[in-house]
C-alpha atoms as a PDB file:
ATOM      1  CA  MET A   1    -154.370 139.344  27.935  1.00  0.00           C
ATOM      2  CA  ASP A   2    -157.369 140.348  25.849  1.00  0.00           C
ATOM      3  CA  GLN A   3    -160.350 138.094  25.070  1.00  0.00           C
ATOM      4  CA  GLU A   4    -159.242 137.520  21.466  1.00  0.00           C
ATOM      5  CA  ASN A   5    -155.948 135.999  22.641  1.00  0.00           C
ATOM      6  CA  ILE A   6    -157.729 133.922  25.278  1.00  0.00           C
ATOM      7  CA  ASP A   7    -160.166 132.591  22.671  1.00  0.00           C
ATOM      8  CA  TYR A   8    -157.281 131.776  20.314  1.00  0.00           C
ATOM      9  CA  LEU A   9    -155.424 129.850  23.008  1.00  0.00           C
ATOM     10  CA  ASN A  10    -158.612 128.020  23.999  1.00  0.00           C
ATOM     11  CA  ARG A  11    -159.149 126.930  20.362  1.00  0.00           C
ATOM     12  CA  ILE A  12    -155.581 125.620  20.210  1.00  0.00           C
ATOM     13  CA  ALA A  13    -156.025 123.751  23.495  1.00  0.00           C
ATOM     14  CA  GLU A  14    -159.319 122.218  22.318  1.00  0.00           C
ATOM     15  CA  ARG A  15    -157.760 121.152  19.017  1.00  0.00           C
ATOM     16  CA  MET A  16    -154.786 119.519  20.717  1.00  0.00           C
ATOM     17  CA  ALA A  17    -157.091 117.747  23.180  1.00  0.00           C
ATOM     18  CA  ALA A  18    -159.124 116.369  20.251  1.00  0.00           C
ATOM     19  CA  PHE A  19    -156.002 115.082  18.500  1.00  0.00           C
ATOM     20  CA  ASP A  20    -154.717 113.626  21.771  1.00  0.00           C
ATOM     21  CA  ASP A  21    -158.030 111.770  22.130  1.00  0.00           C
ATOM     22  CA  ILE A  22    -157.549 110.349  18.616  1.00  0.00           C
ATOM     23  CA  ARG A  23    -154.021 109.303  19.552  1.00  0.00           C
ATOM     24  CA  GLY A  24    -155.462 107.364  22.500  1.00  0.00           C
ATOM     25  CA  GLN A  25    -158.133 105.720  20.363  1.00  0.00           C
ATOM     26  CA  VAL A  26    -155.575 104.625  17.770  1.00  0.00           C
ATOM     27  CA  LEU A  27    -153.269 103.294  20.478  1.00  0.00           C
ATOM     28  CA  SER A  28    -156.148 101.320  21.971  1.00  0.00           C
ATOM     29  CA  TYR A  29    -156.933  99.897  18.511  1.00  0.00           C
ATOM     30  CA  ILE A  30    -153.278  98.915  18.024  1.00  0.00           C
ATOM     31  CA  LEU A  31    -153.098  97.188  21.404  1.00  0.00           C
ATOM     32  CA  THR A  32    -156.491  95.468  21.042  1.00  0.00           C
ATOM     33  CA  ASN A  33    -155.501  94.094  17.643  1.00  0.00           C
ATOM     34  CA  SER A  34    -151.911  93.224  18.676  1.00  0.00           C
ATOM     35  CA  ILE A  35    -150.421  95.217  15.801  1.00  0.00           C
ATOM     36  CA  GLU A  36    -146.636  95.174  15.944  1.00  0.00           C
ATOM     37  CA  ASP A  37    -145.628  96.563  12.549  1.00  0.00           C
ATOM     38  CA  ILE A  38    -144.244 100.065  13.219  1.00  0.00           C
ATOM     39  CA  ALA A  39    -145.024 101.382   9.726  1.00  0.00           C
ATOM     40  CA  LEU A  40    -148.624 100.177   9.997  1.00  0.00           C
ATOM     41  CA  CYS A  41    -148.929 101.793  13.429  1.00  0.00           C
ATOM     42  CA  THR A  42    -147.693 105.072  11.963  1.00  0.00           C
ATOM     43  CA  ASP A  43    -150.187 104.774   9.102  1.00  0.00           C
ATOM     44  CA  LEU A  44    -152.998 104.239  11.619  1.00  0.00           C
ATOM     45  CA  PHE A  45    -152.030 107.378  13.527  1.00  0.00           C
ATOM     46  CA  VAL A  46    -151.815 109.378  10.289  1.00  0.00           C
ATOM     47  CA  VAL A  47    -155.246 108.314   9.027  1.00  0.00           C
ATOM     48  CA  GLY A  48    -156.671 108.896  12.498  1.00  0.00           C
ATOM     49  CA  PHE A  49    -155.363 112.466  12.557  1.00  0.00           C
ATOM     50  CA  LEU A  50    -156.561 113.090   8.998  1.00  0.00           C
ATOM     51  CA  HIS A  51    -160.007 111.733   9.886  1.00  0.00           C
ATOM     52  CA  GLU A  52    -160.227 114.043  12.894  1.00  0.00           C
ATOM     53  CA  ALA A  53    -159.134 117.049  10.843  1.00  0.00           C
ATOM     54  CA  TYR A  54    -161.740 116.258   8.181  1.00  0.00           C
ATOM     55  CA  HIS A  55    -164.551 116.012  10.710  1.00  0.00           C
ATOM     56  CA  ARG A  56    -163.425 119.238  12.368  1.00  0.00           C
ATOM     57  CA  GLY A  57    -163.571 120.985   8.992  1.00  0.00           C
ATOM     58  CA  GLU A  58    -159.839 121.664   9.127  1.00  0.00           C
ATOM     59  CA  SER A  59    -156.894 120.957   6.914  1.00  0.00           C
ATOM     60  CA  ILE A  60    -153.683 119.464   8.219  1.00  0.00           C
ATOM     61  CA  THR A  61    -150.210 119.776   6.745  1.00  0.00           C
ATOM     62  CA  GLU A  62    -147.348 117.324   6.546  1.00  0.00           C
ATOM     63  CA  GLU A  63    -145.537 119.549   9.020  1.00  0.00           C
ATOM     64  CA  GLU A  64    -148.463 119.390  11.500  1.00  0.00           C
ATOM     65  CA  LEU A  65    -148.664 115.614  11.095  1.00  0.00           C
ATOM     66  CA  ALA A  66    -144.977 115.361  11.933  1.00  0.00           C
ATOM     67  CA  VAL A  67    -145.552 117.333  15.128  1.00  0.00           C
ATOM     68  CA  LEU A  68    -148.538 115.164  16.062  1.00  0.00           C
ATOM     69  CA  LEU A  69    -146.376 112.091  15.481  1.00  0.00           C
ATOM     70  CA  GLY A  70    -143.668 113.508  17.731  1.00  0.00           C
ATOM     71  CA  ASP A  71    -141.183 114.497  15.019  1.00  0.00           C
ATOM     72  CA  SER A  72    -141.040 118.274  15.127  1.00  0.00           C
ATOM     73  CA  ASP A  73    -137.343 118.441  14.186  1.00  0.00           C
ATOM     74  CA  ASP A  74    -137.420 119.853  10.658  1.00  0.00           C
ATOM     75  CA  ASP A  75    -133.972 121.408  10.379  1.00  0.00           C
ATOM     76  CA  ASN A  76    -133.719 120.395   6.715  1.00  0.00           C
ATOM     77  CA  ASP A  77    -137.192 121.659   5.710  1.00  0.00           C
ATOM     78  CA  VAL A  78    -138.269 118.104   4.862  1.00  0.00           C
ATOM     79  CA  PHE A  79    -141.906 118.607   5.888  1.00  0.00           C
ATOM     80  CA  SER A  80    -144.102 120.558   3.509  1.00  0.00           C
ATOM     81  CA  LYS A  81    -146.788 123.025   4.423  1.00  0.00           C
ATOM     82  CA  ASN A  82    -149.116 121.508   1.819  1.00  0.00           C
ATOM     83  CA  ALA A  83    -152.466 120.301   3.123  1.00  0.00           C
ATOM     84  CA  ILE A  84    -153.054 116.559   3.218  1.00  0.00           C
ATOM     85  CA  SER A  85    -156.489 114.996   3.376  1.00  0.00           C
ATOM     86  CA  LEU A  86    -158.335 111.719   3.123  1.00  0.00           C
ATOM     87  CA  SER A  87    -160.291 110.895   0.003  1.00  0.00           C
ATOM     88  CA  GLU A  88    -164.014 111.622   0.346  1.00  0.00           C
ATOM     89  CA  GLU A  89    -164.662 107.874   0.304  1.00  0.00           C
ATOM     90  CA  LYS A  90    -162.317 107.245   3.232  1.00  0.00           C
ATOM     91  CA  ALA A  91    -163.366 110.363   5.129  1.00  0.00           C
ATOM     92  CA  GLU A  92    -166.988 109.203   5.192  1.00  0.00           C
ATOM     93  CA  LEU A  93    -166.106 105.895   6.881  1.00  0.00           C
ATOM     94  CA  SER A  94    -166.583 105.619  10.625  1.00  0.00           C
ATOM     95  CA  PHE A  95    -163.379 105.870  12.621  1.00  0.00           C
ATOM     96  CA  GLY A  96    -163.315 102.118  13.296  1.00  0.00           C
ATOM     97  CA  GLU A  97    -164.054 101.286   9.660  1.00  0.00           C
ATOM     98  CA  LEU A  98    -161.223 103.564   8.561  1.00  0.00           C
ATOM     99  CA  LEU A  99    -158.731 101.862  10.870  1.00  0.00           C
ATOM    100  CA  ASP A 100    -159.942  98.419   9.759  1.00  0.00           C
ATOM    101  CA  CYS A 101    -159.652  99.466   6.100  1.00  0.00           C
ATOM    102  CA  THR A 102    -156.122 100.740   6.695  1.00  0.00           C
ATOM    103  CA  VAL A 103    -155.081  97.399   8.214  1.00  0.00           C
ATOM    104  CA  GLU A 104    -156.803  95.373   5.479  1.00  0.00           C
ATOM    105  CA  ASN A 105    -155.120  97.364   2.698  1.00  0.00           C
ATOM    106  CA  TYR A 106    -151.679  97.606   4.301  1.00  0.00           C
ATOM    107  CA  GLN A 107    -148.823  96.500   2.071  1.00  0.00           C
ATOM    108  CA  CYS A 108    -145.842  95.170   4.036  1.00  0.00           C
END
């Protein structure tokens, strides 16, 4: 395997580790705040992943979000390849502020 392929695989591994870390932070937030609403939990994971992508200087697609959320089964081409991002206002919040804002603005 040449160095270019090794570097590519290392970048993928680092990216997945970063998103896994975000997953853990969101889960900790959910447990600490005793959040039981499944839709709100999903929203928290989504904004967490979008926040990480923004701060990494990356874009993330609906399809990638689905994979990060554990739903990679897209037999019906439901997930788009369009990039999704946070608004500048939300992206500039700290991670904790973003999660708090998501909870405060959640509509049941």
